Amino acid sequence: MDARKERYGAKDLDALFDGGTKLIAVRGKKAQTFDLKKGEYDRAAFEKAVLGPTGNLRAPTMRMGKTWLVGYGDETYAEVFGA
């Protein structure tokens, strides 16, 4: 997917993250983890974590297996990628 060519907003999130089990949203040094499998999370907090000020999906966004990573943070990336 190329976010420069296709925009993803709040209405697209369920379909986009379907099949994922965990989402880690990073903003600066703060990381939030959402359990997508159970779906027991605050929808407003979830949207705030994954959508930017324009209402579109934040970058970078990547999928590794069934885990999604949204945003960038050195510490979180080192933890997730084992660097």
N, C-alpha and C. Protein backbone atom coordinates (compact mmCIF):
# COMPACT_ATOMS: atom_id res chain seq x y z
N MET A 1 0.84 -1.17 0.00
CA MET A 1 0.00 0.00 0.00
C MET A 1 0.88 1.23 0.00
N ASP A 2 0.49 2.22 -0.71
CA ASP A 2 1.23 3.48 -0.81
C ASP A 2 0.31 4.60 -0.34
N ALA A 3 0.58 5.09 0.87
CA ALA A 3 -0.28 6.12 1.47
C ALA A 3 -0.25 7.43 0.70
N ARG A 4 0.73 7.61 -0.17
CA ARG A 4 0.76 8.83 -0.99
C ARG A 4 -0.29 8.76 -2.09
N LYS A 5 -0.68 7.55 -2.46
CA LYS A 5 -1.65 7.38 -3.54
C LYS A 5 -3.06 7.08 -3.03
N GLU A 6 -3.14 6.46 -1.88
CA GLU A 6 -4.44 6.08 -1.32
C GLU A 6 -4.47 6.48 0.15
N ARG A 7 -5.50 7.20 0.54
CA ARG A 7 -5.65 7.66 1.92
C ARG A 7 -6.54 6.69 2.69
N TYR A 8 -6.21 6.52 3.97
CA TYR A 8 -6.99 5.66 4.85
C TYR A 8 -7.45 6.50 6.03
N GLY A 9 -8.75 6.59 6.21
CA GLY A 9 -9.33 7.37 7.30
C GLY A 9 -9.99 6.46 8.33
N ALA A 10 -10.72 7.06 9.25
CA ALA A 10 -11.36 6.32 10.35
C ALA A 10 -12.28 5.22 9.84
N LYS A 11 -12.99 5.47 8.75
CA LYS A 11 -13.93 4.47 8.24
C LYS A 11 -13.23 3.25 7.63
N ASP A 12 -11.94 3.37 7.32
CA ASP A 12 -11.18 2.29 6.69
C ASP A 12 -10.43 1.41 7.68
N LEU A 13 -10.37 1.80 8.94
CA LEU A 13 -9.50 1.12 9.90
C LEU A 13 -9.87 -0.33 10.13
N ASP A 14 -11.15 -0.65 10.29
CA ASP A 14 -11.54 -2.04 10.55
C ASP A 14 -11.09 -2.97 9.43
N ALA A 15 -11.33 -2.58 8.20
CA ALA A 15 -10.95 -3.42 7.06
C ALA A 15 -9.43 -3.49 6.92
N LEU A 16 -8.75 -2.38 7.16
CA LEU A 16 -7.30 -2.34 7.01
C LEU A 16 -6.61 -3.25 8.01
N PHE A 17 -7.01 -3.21 9.25
CA PHE A 17 -6.35 -3.98 10.30
C PHE A 17 -6.99 -5.35 10.53
N ASP A 18 -7.94 -5.75 9.70
CA ASP A 18 -8.58 -7.05 9.81
C ASP A 18 -7.54 -8.17 9.68
N GLY A 19 -7.58 -9.12 10.57
CA GLY A 19 -6.64 -10.23 10.54
C GLY A 19 -5.43 -10.00 11.43
N GLY A 20 -5.24 -8.77 11.87
CA GLY A 20 -4.13 -8.49 12.79
C GLY A 20 -4.53 -8.84 14.21
N THR A 21 -3.54 -9.14 15.05
CA THR A 21 -3.83 -9.48 16.44
C THR A 21 -3.36 -8.40 17.41
N LYS A 22 -2.37 -7.60 16.98
CA LYS A 22 -1.84 -6.56 17.87
C LYS A 22 -1.44 -5.35 17.04
N LEU A 23 -1.65 -4.17 17.60
CA LEU A 23 -1.21 -2.93 16.96
C LEU A 23 -0.45 -2.12 17.98
N ILE A 24 0.74 -1.68 17.59
CA ILE A 24 1.56 -0.81 18.43
C ILE A 24 1.60 0.55 17.76
N ALA A 25 1.08 1.56 18.45
CA ALA A 25 1.07 2.93 17.93
C ALA A 25 2.11 3.73 18.69
N VAL A 26 3.04 4.31 17.96
CA VAL A 26 4.15 5.05 18.57
C VAL A 26 4.03 6.52 18.23
N ARG A 27 4.18 7.34 19.23
CA ARG A 27 4.18 8.79 19.05
C ARG A 27 5.26 9.33 19.97
N GLY A 28 6.41 9.69 19.40
CA GLY A 28 7.55 10.12 20.21
C GLY A 28 8.08 8.94 20.99
N LYS A 29 8.18 9.10 22.31
CA LYS A 29 8.67 8.00 23.16
C LYS A 29 7.53 7.18 23.74
N LYS A 30 6.30 7.60 23.46
CA LYS A 30 5.13 6.92 24.01
C LYS A 30 4.62 5.88 23.01
N ALA A 31 4.42 4.66 23.50
CA ALA A 31 3.88 3.59 22.66
C ALA A 31 2.63 3.03 23.34
N GLN A 32 1.59 2.84 22.54
CA GLN A 32 0.34 2.24 23.02
C GLN A 32 0.14 0.94 22.28
N THR A 33 -0.28 -0.08 22.99
CA THR A 33 -0.55 -1.38 22.38
C THR A 33 -2.04 -1.65 22.44
N PHE A 34 -2.59 -2.08 21.31
CA PHE A 34 -4.00 -2.41 21.21
C PHE A 34 -4.13 -3.87 20.82
N ASP A 35 -4.99 -4.60 21.54
CA ASP A 35 -5.24 -6.00 21.25
C ASP A 35 -6.36 -6.08 20.21
N LEU A 36 -5.98 -6.27 18.95
CA LEU A 36 -6.96 -6.30 17.86
C LEU A 36 -7.78 -7.59 17.87
N LYS A 37 -7.20 -8.64 18.41
CA LYS A 37 -7.89 -9.93 18.42
C LYS A 37 -9.14 -9.88 19.31
N LYS A 38 -8.99 -9.32 20.50
CA LYS A 38 -10.12 -9.22 21.42
C LYS A 38 -11.01 -8.04 21.08
N GLY A 39 -10.42 -6.98 20.55
CA GLY A 39 -11.20 -5.80 20.18
C GLY A 39 -11.71 -5.01 21.36
N GLU A 40 -11.12 -5.23 22.53
CA GLU A 40 -11.57 -4.56 23.74
C GLU A 40 -10.69 -3.34 24.02
N TYR A 41 -10.91 -2.28 23.26
CA TYR A 41 -10.15 -1.05 23.45
C TYR A 41 -11.07 0.13 23.17
N ASP A 42 -10.67 1.28 23.66
CA ASP A 42 -11.43 2.51 23.47
C ASP A 42 -11.25 2.97 22.03
N ARG A 43 -12.32 2.99 21.27
CA ARG A 43 -12.24 3.33 19.84
C ARG A 43 -11.69 4.74 19.61
N ALA A 44 -12.08 5.68 20.45
CA ALA A 44 -11.60 7.06 20.29
C ALA A 44 -10.09 7.13 20.52
N ALA A 45 -9.59 6.42 21.52
CA ALA A 45 -8.14 6.40 21.79
C ALA A 45 -7.40 5.71 20.65
N PHE A 46 -7.99 4.66 20.11
CA PHE A 46 -7.40 3.94 18.99
C PHE A 46 -7.27 4.85 17.77
N GLU A 47 -8.34 5.53 17.42
CA GLU A 47 -8.31 6.44 16.27
C GLU A 47 -7.32 7.57 16.49
N LYS A 48 -7.26 8.10 17.70
CA LYS A 48 -6.32 9.18 18.00
C LYS A 48 -4.88 8.70 17.84
N ALA A 49 -4.62 7.44 18.18
CA ALA A 49 -3.27 6.89 18.11
C ALA A 49 -2.82 6.60 16.68
N VAL A 50 -3.74 6.21 15.80
CA VAL A 50 -3.34 5.79 14.45
C VAL A 50 -3.60 6.82 13.36
N LEU A 51 -4.42 7.82 13.65
CA LEU A 51 -4.72 8.84 12.65
C LEU A 51 -3.98 10.14 12.97
N GLY A 52 -3.51 10.79 11.93
CA GLY A 52 -2.80 12.06 12.10
C GLY A 52 -3.76 13.22 12.15
N PRO A 53 -3.24 14.45 12.17
CA PRO A 53 -4.08 15.64 12.27
C PRO A 53 -4.99 15.86 11.06
N THR A 54 -4.65 15.27 9.93
CA THR A 54 -5.49 15.40 8.74
C THR A 54 -6.62 14.38 8.72
N GLY A 55 -6.59 13.44 9.68
CA GLY A 55 -7.61 12.39 9.72
C GLY A 55 -7.24 11.16 8.92
N ASN A 56 -6.03 11.12 8.41
CA ASN A 56 -5.55 9.98 7.64
C ASN A 56 -4.58 9.15 8.46
N LEU A 57 -4.39 7.91 8.05
CA LEU A 57 -3.48 6.99 8.72
C LEU A 57 -2.08 7.60 8.82
N ARG A 58 -1.49 7.50 10.00
CA ARG A 58 -0.15 8.04 10.22
C ARG A 58 0.90 7.18 9.53
N ALA A 59 2.03 7.80 9.23
CA ALA A 59 3.14 7.10 8.61
C ALA A 59 4.33 7.13 9.57
N PRO A 60 5.19 6.16 9.49
CA PRO A 60 5.07 4.94 8.70
C PRO A 60 4.12 3.96 9.36
N THR A 61 3.49 3.15 8.55
CA THR A 61 2.64 2.07 9.02
C THR A 61 3.10 0.79 8.34
N MET A 62 3.35 -0.24 9.12
CA MET A 62 3.80 -1.50 8.53
C MET A 62 3.20 -2.69 9.28
N ARG A 63 3.14 -3.78 8.56
CA ARG A 63 2.62 -5.01 9.12
C ARG A 63 3.73 -6.05 9.12
N MET A 64 3.88 -6.70 10.27
CA MET A 64 4.86 -7.78 10.41
C MET A 64 4.09 -8.98 10.94
N GLY A 65 3.78 -9.91 10.05
CA GLY A 65 2.95 -11.04 10.45
C GLY A 65 1.56 -10.54 10.79
N LYS A 66 1.16 -10.72 12.05
CA LYS A 66 -0.16 -10.26 12.50
C LYS A 66 -0.06 -9.04 13.40
N THR A 67 1.12 -8.43 13.45
CA THR A 67 1.35 -7.24 14.26
C THR A 67 1.50 -6.02 13.37
N TRP A 68 0.80 -4.96 13.72
CA TRP A 68 0.89 -3.69 13.00
C TRP A 68 1.70 -2.72 13.84
N LEU A 69 2.50 -1.90 13.17
CA LEU A 69 3.27 -0.86 13.83
C LEU A 69 2.97 0.46 13.12
N VAL A 70 2.45 1.43 13.88
CA VAL A 70 2.07 2.73 13.33
C VAL A 70 2.88 3.80 14.02
N GLY A 71 3.55 4.65 13.24
CA GLY A 71 4.37 5.71 13.79
C GLY A 71 5.81 5.25 13.95
N TYR A 72 6.64 6.14 14.51
CA TYR A 72 8.06 5.83 14.66
C TYR A 72 8.57 6.26 16.02
N GLY A 73 9.37 5.38 16.59
CA GLY A 73 10.06 5.66 17.85
C GLY A 73 11.27 4.75 17.95
N ASP A 74 12.45 5.31 18.17
CA ASP A 74 13.69 4.53 18.21
C ASP A 74 13.61 3.35 19.17
N GLU A 75 13.16 3.61 20.40
CA GLU A 75 13.12 2.55 21.41
C GLU A 75 12.16 1.43 21.03
N THR A 76 11.01 1.79 20.54
CA THR A 76 10.03 0.78 20.15
C THR A 76 10.52 -0.03 18.97
N TYR A 77 11.10 0.63 17.99
CA TYR A 77 11.64 -0.09 16.83
C TYR A 77 12.74 -1.04 17.25
N ALA A 78 13.62 -0.62 18.15
CA ALA A 78 14.69 -1.49 18.62
C ALA A 78 14.12 -2.72 19.34
N GLU A 79 13.06 -2.50 20.09
CA GLU A 79 12.42 -3.60 20.82
C GLU A 79 11.72 -4.56 19.85
N VAL A 80 10.98 -4.02 18.90
CA VAL A 80 10.23 -4.85 17.96
C VAL A 80 11.15 -5.59 16.99
N PHE A 81 12.16 -4.90 16.48
CA PHE A 81 13.04 -5.49 15.48
C PHE A 81 14.28 -6.13 16.08
N GLY A 82 14.45 -6.02 17.39
CA GLY A 82 15.57 -6.66 18.05
C GLY A 82 16.92 -6.06 17.71
N ALA A 83 16.94 -4.78 17.39
CA ALA A 83 18.21 -4.12 17.03
C ALA A 83 18.89 -3.55 18.23
